[in-house]
């Protein structure tokens, strides 16, 4: 089955499953972090990440990394956004899309914890 047949509701369910698969010692850092599904990245997302608009973004972490937050300063709530359109365009099968969703959730969680792309485990 083509990944393009994944409904928005089913895509969100896969994101929730990916989040549930994150080990508990990492999930604790997700308190006060919104995990959202958006259809496409905004132009500002490309600018923020310094990514050319002809490349696809699968997700983004918006906010201050967890270990850089100050107890004295109230930052806006952090957000992890997963982009449905780019993932579905780049995955030929449902299984491939589900794996990419999980990888993207974990990747953005890494950014939330302050890891750079070079420090990611994959």
PDB file of N, CA and C in Angstrom:
ATOM      1  N   UNK A   1       0.847  -1.187   0.000  1.00  0.00           N
ATOM      2  CA  UNK A   1       0.000   0.000   0.000  1.00  0.00           C
ATOM      3  C   UNK A   1       0.886   1.240   0.000  1.00  0.00           C
ATOM      4  N   UNK A   2       0.520   2.196  -0.794  1.00  0.00           N
ATOM      5  CA  UNK A   2       1.273   3.448  -0.854  1.00  0.00           C
ATOM      6  C   UNK A   2       1.121   4.226   0.445  1.00  0.00           C
ATOM      7  N   UNK A   3       2.221   4.848   0.862  1.00  0.00           N
ATOM      8  CA  UNK A   3       2.153   5.655   2.084  1.00  0.00           C
ATOM      9  C   UNK A   3       1.221   6.844   1.896  1.00  0.00           C
ATOM     10  N   UNK A   4       0.926   7.201   0.654  1.00  0.00           N
ATOM     11  CA  UNK A   4       0.047   8.341   0.389  1.00  0.00           C
ATOM     12  C   UNK A   4      -1.391   8.060   0.827  1.00  0.00           C
ATOM     13  N   UNK A   5      -1.705   6.819   1.101  1.00  0.00           N
ATOM     14  CA  UNK A   5      -3.056   6.460   1.536  1.00  0.00           C
ATOM     15  C   UNK A   5      -3.198   6.522   3.054  1.00  0.00           C
ATOM     16  N   UNK A   6      -2.184   7.011   3.726  1.00  0.00           N
ATOM     17  CA  UNK A   6      -2.261   7.162   5.178  1.00  0.00           C
ATOM     18  C   UNK A   6      -3.052   8.433   5.470  1.00  0.00           C
ATOM     19  N   UNK A   7      -4.168   8.268   6.132  1.00  0.00           N
ATOM     20  CA  UNK A   7      -5.013   9.423   6.448  1.00  0.00           C
ATOM     21  C   UNK A   7      -4.338  10.287   7.509  1.00  0.00           C
ATOM     22  N   UNK A   8      -4.750  11.544   7.603  1.00  0.00           N
ATOM     23  CA  UNK A   8      -4.204  12.394   8.674  1.00  0.00           C
ATOM     24  C   UNK A   8      -4.394  11.774  10.059  1.00  0.00           C
ATOM     25  N   UNK A   9      -5.546  11.179  10.303  1.00  0.00           N
ATOM     26  CA  UNK A   9      -5.812  10.556  11.610  1.00  0.00           C
ATOM     27  C   UNK A   9      -4.854   9.385  11.854  1.00  0.00           C
ATOM     28  N   UNK A  10      -4.640   8.546  10.825  1.00  0.00           N
ATOM     29  CA  UNK A  10      -3.736   7.401  10.978  1.00  0.00           C
ATOM     30  C   UNK A  10      -2.299   7.883  11.154  1.00  0.00           C
ATOM     31  N   UNK A  11      -1.913   8.926  10.438  1.00  0.00           N
ATOM     32  CA  UNK A  11      -0.566   9.485  10.580  1.00  0.00           C
ATOM     33  C   UNK A  11      -0.343   9.930  12.025  1.00  0.00           C
ATOM     34  N   UNK A  12      -1.324  10.635  12.581  1.00  0.00           N
ATOM     35  CA  UNK A  12      -1.213  11.083  13.979  1.00  0.00           C
ATOM     36  C   UNK A  12      -1.115   9.896  14.929  1.00  0.00           C
ATOM     37  N   UNK A  13      -1.828   8.821  14.627  1.00  0.00           N
ATOM     38  CA  UNK A  13      -1.740   7.615  15.464  1.00  0.00           C
ATOM     39  C   UNK A  13      -0.332   7.025  15.400  1.00  0.00           C
ATOM     40  N   UNK A  14       0.284   7.041  14.220  1.00  0.00           N
ATOM     41  CA  UNK A  14       1.660   6.545  14.094  1.00  0.00           C
ATOM     42  C   UNK A  14       2.637   7.424  14.875  1.00  0.00           C
ATOM     43  N   UNK A  15       2.398   8.730  14.882  1.00  0.00           N
ATOM     44  CA  UNK A  15       3.242   9.635  15.675  1.00  0.00           C
ATOM     45  C   UNK A  15       3.096   9.298  17.160  1.00  0.00           C
ATOM     46  N   UNK A  16       1.871   9.071  17.611  1.00  0.00           N
ATOM     47  CA  UNK A  16       1.639   8.707  19.019  1.00  0.00           C
ATOM     48  C   UNK A  16       2.317   7.381  19.360  1.00  0.00           C
ATOM     49  N   UNK A  17       2.253   6.410  18.434  1.00  0.00           N
ATOM     50  CA  UNK A  17       2.925   5.125  18.654  1.00  0.00           C
ATOM     51  C   UNK A  17       4.434   5.320  18.746  1.00  0.00           C
ATOM     52  N   UNK A  18       4.975   6.184  17.894  1.00  0.00           N
ATOM     53  CA  UNK A  18       6.416   6.464  17.931  1.00  0.00           C
ATOM     54  C   UNK A  18       6.801   7.065  19.271  1.00  0.00           C
ATOM     55  N   UNK A  19       5.993   7.978  19.749  1.00  0.00           N
ATOM     56  CA  UNK A  19       6.258   8.605  21.044  1.00  0.00           C
ATOM     57  C   UNK A  19       6.191   7.569  22.167  1.00  0.00           C
ATOM     58  N   UNK A  20       5.215   6.686  22.105  1.00  0.00           N
ATOM     59  CA  UNK A  20       5.070   5.654  23.134  1.00  0.00           C
ATOM     60  C   UNK A  20       6.244   4.677  23.131  1.00  0.00           C
ATOM     61  N   UNK A  21       6.929   4.544  21.989  1.00  0.00           N
ATOM     62  CA  UNK A  21       8.057   3.611  21.899  1.00  0.00           C
ATOM     63  C   UNK A  21       9.361   4.201  22.435  1.00  0.00           C
ATOM     64  N   UNK A  22       9.360   5.499  22.728  1.00  0.00           N
ATOM     65  CA  UNK A  22      10.554   6.147  23.281  1.00  0.00           C
ATOM     66  C   UNK A  22      10.748   5.635  24.709  1.00  0.00           C
ATOM     67  N   UNK A  23      11.978   5.227  25.064  1.00  0.00           N
ATOM     68  CA  UNK A  23      12.211   4.734  26.429  1.00  0.00           C
ATOM     69  C   UNK A  23      11.783   5.746  27.493  1.00  0.00           C
ATOM     70  N   UNK A  24      11.291   5.227  28.600  1.00  0.00           N
ATOM     71  CA  UNK A  24      10.734   6.065  29.677  1.00  0.00           C
ATOM     72  C   UNK A  24      11.719   7.112  30.171  1.00  0.00           C
ATOM     73  N   UNK A  25      13.021   6.776  30.223  1.00  0.00           N
ATOM     74  CA  UNK A  25      13.983   7.751  30.738  1.00  0.00           C
ATOM     75  C   UNK A  25      14.083   8.982  29.844  1.00  0.00           C
ATOM     76  N   UNK A  26      13.656   8.885  28.583  1.00  0.00           N
ATOM     77  CA  UNK A  26      13.645  10.045  27.696  1.00  0.00           C
ATOM     78  C   UNK A  26      12.276  10.717  27.668  1.00  0.00           C
ATOM     79  N   UNK A  27      11.213   9.917  27.808  1.00  0.00           N
ATOM     80  CA  UNK A  27       9.859  10.485  27.790  1.00  0.00           C
ATOM     81  C   UNK A  27       9.652  11.490  28.913  1.00  0.00           C
ATOM     82  N   UNK A  28      10.360  11.310  30.023  1.00  0.00           N
ATOM     83  CA  UNK A  28      10.200  12.242  31.146  1.00  0.00           C
ATOM     84  C   UNK A  28      10.524  13.683  30.751  1.00  0.00           C
ATOM     85  N   UNK A  29      11.371  13.864  29.742  1.00  0.00           N
ATOM     86  CA  UNK A  29      11.744  15.211  29.308  1.00  0.00           C
ATOM     87  C   UNK A  29      10.685  15.845  28.414  1.00  0.00           C
ATOM     88  N   UNK A  30       9.680  15.081  28.046  1.00  0.00           N
ATOM     89  CA  UNK A  30       8.650  15.584  27.141  1.00  0.00           C
ATOM     90  C   UNK A  30       7.510  16.297  27.856  1.00  0.00           C
ATOM     91  N   UNK A  31       7.598  16.404  29.175  1.00  0.00           N
ATOM     92  CA  UNK A  31       6.578  17.166  29.885  1.00  0.00           C
ATOM     93  C   UNK A  31       6.666  18.618  29.422  1.00  0.00           C
ATOM     94  N   UNK A  32       5.543  19.223  29.189  1.00  0.00           N
ATOM     95  CA  UNK A  32       5.465  20.611  28.713  1.00  0.00           C
ATOM     96  C   UNK A  32       6.063  20.803  27.322  1.00  0.00           C
ATOM     97  N   UNK A  33       6.086  19.730  26.533  1.00  0.00           N
ATOM     98  CA  UNK A  33       6.508  19.813  25.137  1.00  0.00           C
ATOM     99  C   UNK A  33       5.327  19.364  24.287  1.00  0.00           C
ATOM    100  N   UNK A  34       4.920  20.201  23.359  1.00  0.00           N
ATOM    101  CA  UNK A  34       3.827  19.847  22.452  1.00  0.00           C
ATOM    102  C   UNK A  34       4.393  19.062  21.272  1.00  0.00           C
ATOM    103  N   UNK A  35       3.812  17.917  20.990  1.00  0.00           N
ATOM    104  CA  UNK A  35       4.159  17.137  19.807  1.00  0.00           C
ATOM    105  C   UNK A  35       3.001  17.301  18.839  1.00  0.00           C
ATOM    106  N   UNK A  36       3.256  17.951  17.709  1.00  0.00           N
ATOM    107  CA  UNK A  36       2.191  18.268  16.764  1.00  0.00           C
ATOM    108  C   UNK A  36       2.516  17.718  15.381  1.00  0.00           C
ATOM    109  N   UNK A  37       1.469  17.452  14.622  1.00  0.00           N
ATOM    110  CA  UNK A  37       1.606  17.073  13.219  1.00  0.00           C
ATOM    111  C   UNK A  37       1.161  18.266  12.394  1.00  0.00           C
ATOM    112  N   UNK A  38       2.005  18.668  11.469  1.00  0.00           N
ATOM    113  CA  UNK A  38       1.674  19.745  10.534  1.00  0.00           C
ATOM    114  C   UNK A  38       1.802  19.189   9.127  1.00  0.00           C
ATOM    115  N   UNK A  39       0.996  19.710   8.225  1.00  0.00           N
ATOM    116  CA  UNK A  39       1.020  19.195   6.857  1.00  0.00           C
ATOM    117  C   UNK A  39       2.348  19.507   6.162  1.00  0.00           C
ATOM    118  N   UNK A  40       2.816  20.739   6.282  1.00  0.00           N
ATOM    119  CA  UNK A  40       4.046  21.174   5.613  1.00  0.00           C
ATOM    120  C   UNK A  40       4.833  22.105   6.531  1.00  0.00           C
ATOM    121  N   UNK A  41       6.157  22.152   6.359  1.00  0.00           N
ATOM    122  CA  UNK A  41       6.943  23.139   7.111  1.00  0.00           C
ATOM    123  C   UNK A  41       6.634  24.548   6.615  1.00  0.00           C
ATOM    124  N   UNK A  42       6.737  25.510   7.509  1.00  0.00           N
ATOM    125  CA  UNK A  42       6.577  26.918   7.135  1.00  0.00           C
ATOM    126  C   UNK A  42       7.899  27.431   6.564  1.00  0.00           C
ATOM    127  N   UNK A  43       7.823  28.518   5.835  1.00  0.00           N
ATOM    128  CA  UNK A  43       9.035  29.134   5.290  1.00  0.00           C
ATOM    129  C   UNK A  43      10.026  29.450   6.408  1.00  0.00           C
ATOM    130  N   UNK A  44       9.508  29.902   7.548  1.00  0.00           N
ATOM    131  CA  UNK A  44      10.371  30.203   8.697  1.00  0.00           C
ATOM    132  C   UNK A  44      11.125  28.968   9.184  1.00  0.00           C
ATOM    133  N   UNK A  45      10.527  27.792   9.049  1.00  0.00           N
ATOM    134  CA  UNK A  45      11.207  26.565   9.471  1.00  0.00           C
ATOM    135  C   UNK A  45      12.450  26.326   8.623  1.00  0.00           C
ATOM    136  N   UNK A  46      12.328  26.559   7.318  1.00  0.00           N
ATOM    137  CA  UNK A  46      13.489  26.405   6.437  1.00  0.00           C
ATOM    138  C   UNK A  46      14.567  27.425   6.789  1.00  0.00           C
ATOM    139  N   UNK A  47      14.148  28.663   7.054  1.00  0.00           N
ATOM    140  CA  UNK A  47      15.104  29.709   7.428  1.00  0.00           C
ATOM    141  C   UNK A  47      15.797  29.364   8.739  1.00  0.00           C
ATOM    142  N   UNK A  48      15.022  28.934   9.720  1.00  0.00           N
ATOM    143  CA  UNK A  48      15.559  28.584  11.047  1.00  0.00           C
ATOM    144  C   UNK A  48      16.607  27.479  10.950  1.00  0.00           C
ATOM    145  N   UNK A  49      16.350  26.503  10.100  1.00  0.00           N
ATOM    146  CA  UNK A  49      17.245  25.355   9.968  1.00  0.00           C
ATOM    147  C   UNK A  49      18.320  25.581   8.917  1.00  0.00           C
ATOM    148  N   UNK A  50      18.256  26.713   8.207  1.00  0.00           N
ATOM    149  CA  UNK A  50      19.201  27.017   7.134  1.00  0.00           C
ATOM    150  C   UNK A  50      19.215  25.890   6.094  1.00  0.00           C
ATOM    151  N   UNK A  51      18.006  25.468   5.724  1.00  0.00           N
ATOM    152  CA  UNK A  51      17.819  24.398   4.749  1.00  0.00           C
ATOM    153  C   UNK A  51      17.222  25.005   3.487  1.00  0.00           C
ATOM    154  N   UNK A  52      17.787  24.697   2.317  1.00  0.00           N
ATOM    155  CA  UNK A  52      17.182  25.194   1.076  1.00  0.00           C
ATOM    156  C   UNK A  52      15.754  24.664   0.932  1.00  0.00           C
ATOM    157  N   UNK A  53      14.876  25.486   0.378  1.00  0.00           N
ATOM    158  CA  UNK A  53      13.467  25.090   0.274  1.00  0.00           C
ATOM    159  C   UNK A  53      13.228  23.949  -0.711  1.00  0.00           C
ATOM    160  N   UNK A  54      14.244  23.601  -1.527  1.00  0.00           N
ATOM    161  CA  UNK A  54      14.066  22.460  -2.423  1.00  0.00           C
ATOM    162  C   UNK A  54      14.394  21.138  -1.721  1.00  0.00           C
ATOM    163  N   UNK A  55      14.815  21.202  -0.462  1.00  0.00           N
ATOM    164  CA  UNK A  55      15.015  20.004   0.351  1.00  0.00           C
ATOM    165  C   UNK A  55      13.809  19.831   1.264  1.00  0.00           C
ATOM    166  N   UNK A  56      13.576  18.616   1.695  1.00  0.00           N
ATOM    167  CA  UNK A  56      12.414  18.322   2.530  1.00  0.00           C
ATOM    168  C   UNK A  56      12.809  18.291   4.004  1.00  0.00           C
ATOM    169  N   UNK A  57      11.989  18.883   4.842  1.00  0.00           N
ATOM    170  CA  UNK A  57      12.115  18.772   6.295  1.00  0.00           C
ATOM    171  C   UNK A  57      11.047  17.802   6.777  1.00  0.00           C
ATOM    172  N   UNK A  58      11.437  16.797   7.548  1.00  0.00           N
ATOM    173  CA  UNK A  58      10.478  15.834   8.086  1.00  0.00           C
ATOM    174  C   UNK A  58       9.977  16.250   9.459  1.00  0.00           C
ATOM    175  N   UNK A  59      10.754  17.055  10.162  1.00  0.00           N
ATOM    176  CA  UNK A  59      10.356  17.494  11.490  1.00  0.00           C
ATOM    177  C   UNK A  59      11.252  18.615  11.958  1.00  0.00           C
ATOM    178  N   UNK A  60      10.851  19.253  13.053  1.00  0.00           N
ATOM    179  CA  UNK A  60      11.642  20.345  13.614  1.00  0.00           C
ATOM    180  C   UNK A  60      11.351  20.444  15.112  1.00  0.00           C
ATOM    181  N   UNK A  61      12.386  20.801  15.854  1.00  0.00           N
ATOM    182  CA  UNK A  61      12.222  21.130  17.267  1.00  0.00           C
ATOM    183  C   UNK A  61      12.231  22.641  17.373  1.00  0.00           C
ATOM    184  N   UNK A  62      11.192  23.189  17.973  1.00  0.00           N
ATOM    185  CA  UNK A  62      11.090  24.639  18.167  1.00  0.00           C
ATOM    186  C   UNK A  62      11.139  24.917  19.667  1.00  0.00           C
ATOM    187  N   UNK A  63      12.149  25.632  20.084  1.00  0.00           N
ATOM    188  CA  UNK A  63      12.249  25.973  21.499  1.00  0.00           C
ATOM    189  C   UNK A  63      13.678  25.928  21.986  1.00  0.00           C
ATOM    190  N   UNK A  64      13.822  26.042  23.280  1.00  0.00           N
ATOM    191  CA  UNK A  64      15.126  25.993  23.927  1.00  0.00           C
ATOM    192  C   UNK A  64      15.396  24.552  24.344  1.00  0.00           C
ATOM    193  N   UNK A  65      16.573  23.997  23.979  1.00  0.00           N
ATOM    194  CA  UNK A  65      16.875  22.635  24.409  1.00  0.00           C
ATOM    195  C   UNK A  65      16.721  22.474  25.923  1.00  0.00           C
ATOM    196  N   UNK A  66      16.292  21.310  26.332  1.00  0.00           N
ATOM    197  CA  UNK A  66      15.923  21.038  27.718  1.00  0.00           C
ATOM    198  C   UNK A  66      16.997  21.469  28.710  1.00  0.00           C
ATOM    199  N   UNK A  67      18.239  21.084  28.473  1.00  0.00           N
ATOM    200  CA  UNK A  67      19.295  21.349  29.450  1.00  0.00           C
ATOM    201  C   UNK A  67      19.846  22.766  29.367  1.00  0.00           C
ATOM    202  N   UNK A  68      19.319  23.578  28.446  1.00  0.00           N
ATOM    203  CA  UNK A  68      19.707  24.988  28.363  1.00  0.00           C
ATOM    204  C   UNK A  68      18.634  25.902  28.943  1.00  0.00           C
ATOM    205  N   UNK A  69      17.528  25.329  29.364  1.00  0.00           N
ATOM    206  CA  UNK A  69      16.433  26.136  29.909  1.00  0.00           C
ATOM    207  C   UNK A  69      16.801  26.665  31.286  1.00  0.00           C
ATOM    208  N   UNK A  70      16.327  27.842  31.562  1.00  0.00           N
ATOM    209  CA  UNK A  70      16.565  28.467  32.858  1.00  0.00           C
ATOM    210  C   UNK A  70      15.333  28.303  33.735  1.00  0.00           C
ATOM    211  N   UNK A  71      15.552  28.056  35.002  1.00  0.00           N
ATOM    212  CA  UNK A  71      14.440  27.975  35.946  1.00  0.00           C
ATOM    213  C   UNK A  71      13.877  29.361  36.235  1.00  0.00           C
ATOM    214  N   UNK A  72      14.682  30.396  35.984  1.00  0.00           N
ATOM    215  CA  UNK A  72      14.259  31.760  36.285  1.00  0.00           C
ATOM    216  C   UNK A  72      13.493  32.404  35.143  1.00  0.00           C
ATOM    217  N   UNK A  73      13.764  31.953  33.928  1.00  0.00           N
ATOM    218  CA  UNK A  73      13.130  32.538  32.747  1.00  0.00           C
ATOM    219  C   UNK A  73      12.074  31.566  32.246  1.00  0.00           C
ATOM    220  N   UNK A  74      10.884  32.050  32.046  1.00  0.00           N
ATOM    221  CA  UNK A  74       9.825  31.190  31.526  1.00  0.00           C
ATOM    222  C   UNK A  74       9.814  31.288  30.009  1.00  0.00           C
ATOM    223  N   UNK A  75      10.388  30.276  29.372  1.00  0.00           N
ATOM    224  CA  UNK A  75      10.385  30.214  27.916  1.00  0.00           C
ATOM    225  C   UNK A  75       9.000  29.806  27.435  1.00  0.00           C
ATOM    226  N   UNK A  76       8.734  30.101  26.181  1.00  0.00           N
ATOM    227  CA  UNK A  76       7.514  29.575  25.574  1.00  0.00           C
ATOM    228  C   UNK A  76       7.598  28.057  25.588  1.00  0.00           C
ATOM    229  N   UNK A  77       6.475  27.370  25.629  1.00  0.00           N
ATOM    230  CA  UNK A  77       6.537  25.905  25.608  1.00  0.00           C
ATOM    231  C   UNK A  77       7.262  25.413  24.357  1.00  0.00           C
ATOM    232  N   UNK A  78       8.076  24.395  24.528  1.00  0.00           N
ATOM    233  CA  UNK A  78       8.790  23.806  23.395  1.00  0.00           C
ATOM    234  C   UNK A  78       7.806  23.003  22.551  1.00  0.00           C
ATOM    235  N   UNK A  79       8.183  22.787  21.291  1.00  0.00           N
ATOM    236  CA  UNK A  79       7.304  22.065  20.377  1.00  0.00           C
ATOM    237  C   UNK A  79       8.143  21.207  19.447  1.00  0.00           C
ATOM    238  N   UNK A  80       7.687  19.997  19.226  1.00  0.00           N
ATOM    239  CA  UNK A  80       8.233  19.135  18.184  1.00  0.00           C
ATOM    240  C   UNK A  80       7.145  19.009  17.133  1.00  0.00           C
ATOM    241  N   UNK A  81       7.469  19.402  15.902  1.00  0.00           N
ATOM    242  CA  UNK A  81       6.517  19.300  14.788  1.00  0.00           C
ATOM    243  C   UNK A  81       7.001  18.213  13.833  1.00  0.00           C
ATOM    244  N   UNK A  82       6.089  17.342  13.443  1.00  0.00           N
ATOM    245  CA  UNK A  82       6.349  16.299  12.460  1.00  0.00           C
ATOM    246  C   UNK A  82       5.549  16.672  11.216  1.00  0.00           C
ATOM    247  N   UNK A  83       6.214  16.698  10.057  1.00  0.00           N
ATOM    248  CA  UNK A  83       5.585  17.179   8.828  1.00  0.00           C
ATOM    249  C   UNK A  83       5.099  16.005   7.974  1.00  0.00           C
ATOM    250  N   UNK A  84       3.795  15.898   7.863  1.00  0.00           N
ATOM    251  CA  UNK A  84       3.147  14.788   7.169  1.00  0.00           C
ATOM    252  C   UNK A  84       3.476  14.761   5.670  1.00  0.00           C
ATOM    253  N   UNK A  85       3.328  15.900   4.996  1.00  0.00           N
ATOM    254  CA  UNK A  85       3.525  15.942   3.547  1.00  0.00           C
ATOM    255  C   UNK A  85       4.890  15.449   3.100  1.00  0.00           C
ATOM    256  N   UNK A  86       5.978  16.013   3.630  1.00  0.00           N
ATOM    257  CA  UNK A  86       7.306  15.563   3.207  1.00  0.00           C
ATOM    258  C   UNK A  86       7.562  14.080   3.494  1.00  0.00           C
ATOM    259  N   UNK A  87       7.098  13.589   4.629  1.00  0.00           N
ATOM    260  CA  UNK A  87       7.318  12.173   4.937  1.00  0.00           C
ATOM    261  C   UNK A  87       6.581  11.300   3.931  1.00  0.00           C
ATOM    262  N   UNK A  88       5.320  11.617   3.644  1.00  0.00           N
ATOM    263  CA  UNK A  88       4.556  10.792   2.707  1.00  0.00           C
ATOM    264  C   UNK A  88       5.102  10.884   1.288  1.00  0.00           C
ATOM    265  N   UNK A  89       5.604  12.043   0.895  1.00  0.00           N
ATOM    266  CA  UNK A  89       6.178  12.177  -0.451  1.00  0.00           C
ATOM    267  C   UNK A  89       7.458  11.368  -0.609  1.00  0.00           C
ATOM    268  N   UNK A  90       8.177  11.143   0.466  1.00  0.00           N
ATOM    269  CA  UNK A  90       9.482  10.493   0.387  1.00  0.00           C
ATOM    270  C   UNK A  90       9.471   9.025   0.791  1.00  0.00           C
ATOM    271  N   UNK A  91       8.332   8.502   1.178  1.00  0.00           N
ATOM    272  CA  UNK A  91       8.226   7.102   1.594  1.00  0.00           C
ATOM    273  C   UNK A  91       7.263   6.378   0.661  1.00  0.00           C
ATOM    274  N   UNK A  92       7.740   5.283   0.070  1.00  0.00           N
ATOM    275  CA  UNK A  92       6.937   4.570  -0.919  1.00  0.00           C
ATOM    276  C   UNK A  92       5.911   3.626  -0.301  1.00  0.00           C
ATOM    277  N   UNK A  93       6.156   3.178   0.922  1.00  0.00           N
ATOM    278  CA  UNK A  93       5.255   2.208   1.542  1.00  0.00           C
ATOM    279  C   UNK A  93       4.834   2.684   2.928  1.00  0.00           C
ATOM    280  N   UNK A  94       3.775   2.078   3.425  1.00  0.00           N
ATOM    281  CA  UNK A  94       3.304   2.387   4.777  1.00  0.00           C
ATOM    282  C   UNK A  94       4.399   2.068   5.797  1.00  0.00           C
ATOM    283  N   UNK A  95       5.043   0.917   5.662  1.00  0.00           N
ATOM    284  CA  UNK A  95       6.096   0.529   6.597  1.00  0.00           C
ATOM    285  C   UNK A  95       7.247   1.517   6.610  1.00  0.00           C
ATOM    286  N   UNK A  96       7.632   1.969   5.425  1.00  0.00           N
ATOM    287  CA  UNK A  96       8.705   2.961   5.326  1.00  0.00           C
ATOM    288  C   UNK A  96       8.290   4.264   6.010  1.00  0.00           C
ATOM    289  N   UNK A  97       7.041   4.668   5.819  1.00  0.00           N
ATOM    290  CA  UNK A  97       6.550   5.899   6.451  1.00  0.00           C
ATOM    291  C   UNK A  97       6.524   5.762   7.971  1.00  0.00           C
ATOM    292  N   UNK A  98       6.086   4.613   8.466  1.00  0.00           N
ATOM    293  CA  UNK A  98       6.036   4.392   9.916  1.00  0.00           C
ATOM    294  C   UNK A  98       7.444   4.458  10.503  1.00  0.00           C
ATOM    295  N   UNK A  99       8.422   3.843   9.827  1.00  0.00           N
ATOM    296  CA  UNK A  99       9.817   3.906  10.302  1.00  0.00           C
ATOM    297  C   UNK A  99      10.331   5.336  10.289  1.00  0.00           C
ATOM    298  N   UNK A 100      10.014   6.079   9.229  1.00  0.00           N
ATOM    299  CA  UNK A 100      10.485   7.468   9.137  1.00  0.00           C
ATOM    300  C   UNK A 100       9.841   8.334  10.210  1.00  0.00           C
ATOM    301  N   UNK A 101       8.577   8.107  10.485  1.00  0.00           N
ATOM    302  CA  UNK A 101       7.909   8.856  11.558  1.00  0.00           C
ATOM    303  C   UNK A 101       8.632   8.609  12.874  1.00  0.00           C
ATOM    304  N   UNK A 102       8.907   7.344  13.190  1.00  0.00           N
ATOM    305  CA  UNK A 102       9.593   7.031  14.445  1.00  0.00           C
ATOM    306  C   UNK A 102      10.985   7.663  14.461  1.00  0.00           C
ATOM    307  N   UNK A 103      11.735   7.500  13.379  1.00  0.00           N
ATOM    308  CA  UNK A 103      13.083   8.076  13.320  1.00  0.00           C
ATOM    309  C   UNK A 103      13.037   9.590  13.500  1.00  0.00           C
ATOM    310  N   UNK A 104      12.045  10.237  12.907  1.00  0.00           N
ATOM    311  CA  UNK A 104      11.933  11.695  13.000  1.00  0.00           C
ATOM    312  C   UNK A 104      11.569  12.125  14.415  1.00  0.00           C
ATOM    313  N   UNK A 105      10.642  11.417  15.052  1.00  0.00           N
ATOM    314  CA  UNK A 105      10.291  11.742  16.440  1.00  0.00           C
ATOM    315  C   UNK A 105      11.532  11.623  17.325  1.00  0.00           C
ATOM    316  N   UNK A 106      12.277  10.523  17.184  1.00  0.00           N
ATOM    317  CA  UNK A 106      13.481  10.317  18.000  1.00  0.00           C
ATOM    318  C   UNK A 106      14.529  11.381  17.687  1.00  0.00           C
ATOM    319  N   UNK A 107      14.694  11.705  16.415  1.00  0.00           N
ATOM    320  CA  UNK A 107      15.668  12.722  16.000  1.00  0.00           C
ATOM    321  C   UNK A 107      15.343  14.075  16.632  1.00  0.00           C
ATOM    322  N   UNK A 108      14.098  14.484  16.555  1.00  0.00           N
ATOM    323  CA  UNK A 108      13.709  15.781  17.120  1.00  0.00           C
ATOM    324  C   UNK A 108      13.770  15.760  18.646  1.00  0.00           C
ATOM    325  N   UNK A 109      13.501  14.625  19.257  1.00  0.00           N
ATOM    326  CA  UNK A 109      13.689  14.490  20.702  1.00  0.00           C
ATOM    327  C   UNK A 109      15.164  14.707  21.049  1.00  0.00           C
ATOM    328  N   UNK A 110      16.052  14.178  20.220  1.00  0.00           N
ATOM    329  CA  UNK A 110      17.487  14.410  20.419  1.00  0.00           C
ATOM    330  C   UNK A 110      17.822  15.888  20.386  1.00  0.00           C
ATOM    331  N   UNK A 111      17.250  16.618  19.420  1.00  0.00           N
ATOM    332  CA  UNK A 111      17.475  18.072  19.373  1.00  0.00           C
ATOM    333  C   UNK A 111      16.927  18.741  20.628  1.00  0.00           C
ATOM    334  N   UNK A 112      15.775  18.281  21.105  1.00  0.00           N
ATOM    335  CA  UNK A 112      15.205  18.860  22.308  1.00  0.00           C
ATOM    336  C   UNK A 112      16.144  18.663  23.501  1.00  0.00           C
ATOM    337  N   UNK A 113      16.886  17.565  23.492  1.00  0.00           N
ATOM    338  CA  UNK A 113      17.834  17.290  24.572  1.00  0.00           C
ATOM    339  C   UNK A 113      19.184  17.963  24.337  1.00  0.00           C
ATOM    340  N   UNK A 114      19.307  18.704  23.218  1.00  0.00           N
ATOM    341  CA  UNK A 114      20.517  19.470  22.961  1.00  0.00           C
ATOM    342  C   UNK A 114      21.523  18.807  22.048  1.00  0.00           C
ATOM    343  N   UNK A 115      21.178  17.667  21.445  1.00  0.00           N
ATOM    344  CA  UNK A 115      22.106  16.999  20.537  1.00  0.00           C
ATOM    345  C   UNK A 115      22.095  17.666  19.166  1.00  0.00           C
ATOM    346  N   UNK A 116      23.259  17.751  18.556  1.00  0.00           N
ATOM    347  CA  UNK A 116      23.355  18.245  17.183  1.00  0.00           C
ATOM    348  C   UNK A 116      23.129  17.070  16.235  1.00  0.00           C
ATOM    349  N   UNK A 117      22.973  17.357  14.940  1.00  0.00           N
ATOM    350  CA  UNK A 117      22.809  16.280  13.961  1.00  0.00           C
ATOM    351  C   UNK A 117      23.988  15.310  14.021  1.00  0.00           C
ATOM    352  N   UNK A 118      25.191  15.842  14.221  1.00  0.00           N
ATOM    353  CA  UNK A 118      26.388  15.015  14.254  1.00  0.00           C
ATOM    354  C   UNK A 118      26.418  14.091  15.474  1.00  0.00           C
ATOM    355  N   UNK A 119      25.725  14.456  16.531  1.00  0.00           N
ATOM    356  CA  UNK A 119      25.719  13.660  17.763  1.00  0.00           C
ATOM    357  C   UNK A 119      24.598  12.624  17.802  1.00  0.00           C
ATOM    358  N   UNK A 120      23.728  12.637  16.807  1.00  0.00           N
ATOM    359  CA  UNK A 120      22.605  11.704  16.788  1.00  0.00           C
ATOM    360  C   UNK A 120      23.124  10.281  16.588  1.00  0.00           C
ATOM    361  N   UNK A 121      22.435   9.297  17.178  1.00  0.00           N
ATOM    362  CA  UNK A 121      22.897   7.912  17.069  1.00  0.00           C
ATOM    363  C   UNK A 121      22.733   7.324  15.667  1.00  0.00           C
ATOM    364  N   UNK A 122      21.989   7.979  14.785  1.00  0.00           N
ATOM    365  CA  UNK A 122      21.829   7.492  13.404  1.00  0.00           C
ATOM    366  C   UNK A 122      21.563   8.642  12.487  1.00  0.00           C
TER     367      UNK A 122
END
